[in-house]
Structure formats: structure tokens, C-alpha cells
Amino acid sequence: MNTSSIHLMLLLLLLAVVALFCAFVGAATGLLARIEGATYATALLRGAVAFAGSATLSLALLTFALTAL
């Protein structure tokens, strides 16, 4: 395989792992908010904010790591 195709596959794998991690963070935040007594809308909003925050941080760290290489 070509080196660039290996890097592309690795990047896609890392993006999939980041998306899965962020989905788990958002789901856990929404679940904890719902257990705390928040309404469904509020729990969904808290989960979405946690998803967006973790996605932003994870992609920023991934970008930093890729430019450092």
C-alpha cells in the first residue's frame, strides 16, 4: 500500500474513534442530567453541549498532533 493511503486510513480511524468517544461523552452527560432530575429537553441540550465541547477539544488535539509530526 502507498504511504499516503495508510495515513489516510489512520486519519479516518482516528476520526471514527473521536466521534465514538464524543458520542459516549454526550450520552453519559445526558443520562446523568436526566438522573439528576432535568427534563428531557434539558438533558438533551446538556448532552449536545458536552458532545460539541469534547469534539472541539478532541479535534483540536488531533490537529495539533498531526501538525507536530
Protein backbone atom coordinates (compact mmCIF):
# COMPACT_ATOMS: atom_id res chain seq x y z
CA MET A 1 0.00 0.00 0.00
CA ASN A 2 1.01 3.56 -0.57
CA THR A 3 2.19 5.57 2.42
CA SER A 4 -0.37 8.32 1.82
CA SER A 5 -3.22 5.80 1.75
CA ILE A 6 -2.03 4.37 5.07
CA HIS A 7 -2.01 7.86 6.56
CA LEU A 8 -5.50 8.47 5.20
CA MET A 9 -6.81 5.23 6.70
CA LEU A 10 -5.18 6.07 10.03
CA LEU A 11 -6.73 9.52 9.97
CA LEU A 12 -10.18 8.07 9.23
CA LEU A 13 -9.76 5.57 12.04
CA LEU A 14 -8.78 8.32 14.46
CA LEU A 15 -11.77 10.42 13.39
CA ALA A 16 -14.07 7.44 13.96
CA VAL A 17 -12.61 6.91 17.44
CA VAL A 18 -13.02 10.61 18.24
CA ALA A 19 -16.65 10.53 17.06
CA LEU A 20 -17.36 7.44 19.17
CA PHE A 21 -15.70 8.99 22.22
CA CYS A 22 -17.70 12.20 21.81
CA ALA A 23 -20.93 10.26 21.41
CA PHE A 24 -20.24 8.40 24.65
CA VAL A 25 -19.46 11.65 26.46
CA GLY A 26 -22.66 13.26 25.19
CA ALA A 27 -24.78 10.24 26.06
CA ALA A 28 -23.30 9.95 29.54
CA THR A 29 -23.84 13.65 30.18
CA GLY A 30 -27.44 13.47 29.03
CA LEU A 31 -28.06 10.38 31.14
CA LEU A 32 -26.54 11.94 34.23
CA ALA A 33 -28.57 15.10 33.69
CA ARG A 34 -31.74 13.05 33.36
CA ILE A 35 -30.95 11.06 36.52
CA GLU A 36 -30.38 14.38 38.29
CA GLY A 37 -33.97 15.32 37.50
CA ALA A 38 -33.63 17.50 34.41
CA THR A 39 -36.33 17.41 31.77
CA TYR A 40 -35.74 15.51 28.54
CA ALA A 41 -35.11 18.72 26.62
CA THR A 42 -32.60 20.00 29.16
CA ALA A 43 -30.83 16.64 29.33
CA LEU A 44 -30.61 16.54 25.53
CA LEU A 45 -29.24 20.07 25.45
CA ARG A 46 -26.61 19.26 28.09
CA GLY A 47 -25.61 16.15 26.17
CA ALA A 48 -25.32 18.11 22.94
CA VAL A 49 -23.17 20.77 24.59
CA ALA A 50 -20.90 18.10 26.07
CA PHE A 51 -20.67 16.38 22.66
CA ALA A 52 -19.75 19.63 20.94
CA GLY A 53 -17.21 20.55 23.58
CA SER A 54 -15.50 17.19 23.57
CA ALA A 55 -15.49 17.12 19.76
CA THR A 56 -13.90 20.55 19.61
CA LEU A 57 -11.23 19.64 22.14
CA SER A 58 -10.52 16.24 20.59
CA LEU A 59 -10.23 17.59 17.06
CA ALA A 60 -8.00 20.44 18.24
CA LEU A 61 -5.68 17.94 19.94
CA LEU A 62 -5.74 15.68 16.87
CA THR A 63 -4.87 18.63 14.63
CA PHE A 64 -2.04 19.62 16.96
CA ALA A 65 -0.70 16.09 16.99
CA LEU A 66 -0.85 15.75 13.21
CA THR A 67 0.91 19.05 12.57
CA ALA A 68 3.62 18.15 15.07
CA LEU A 69 4.50 15.02 13.10
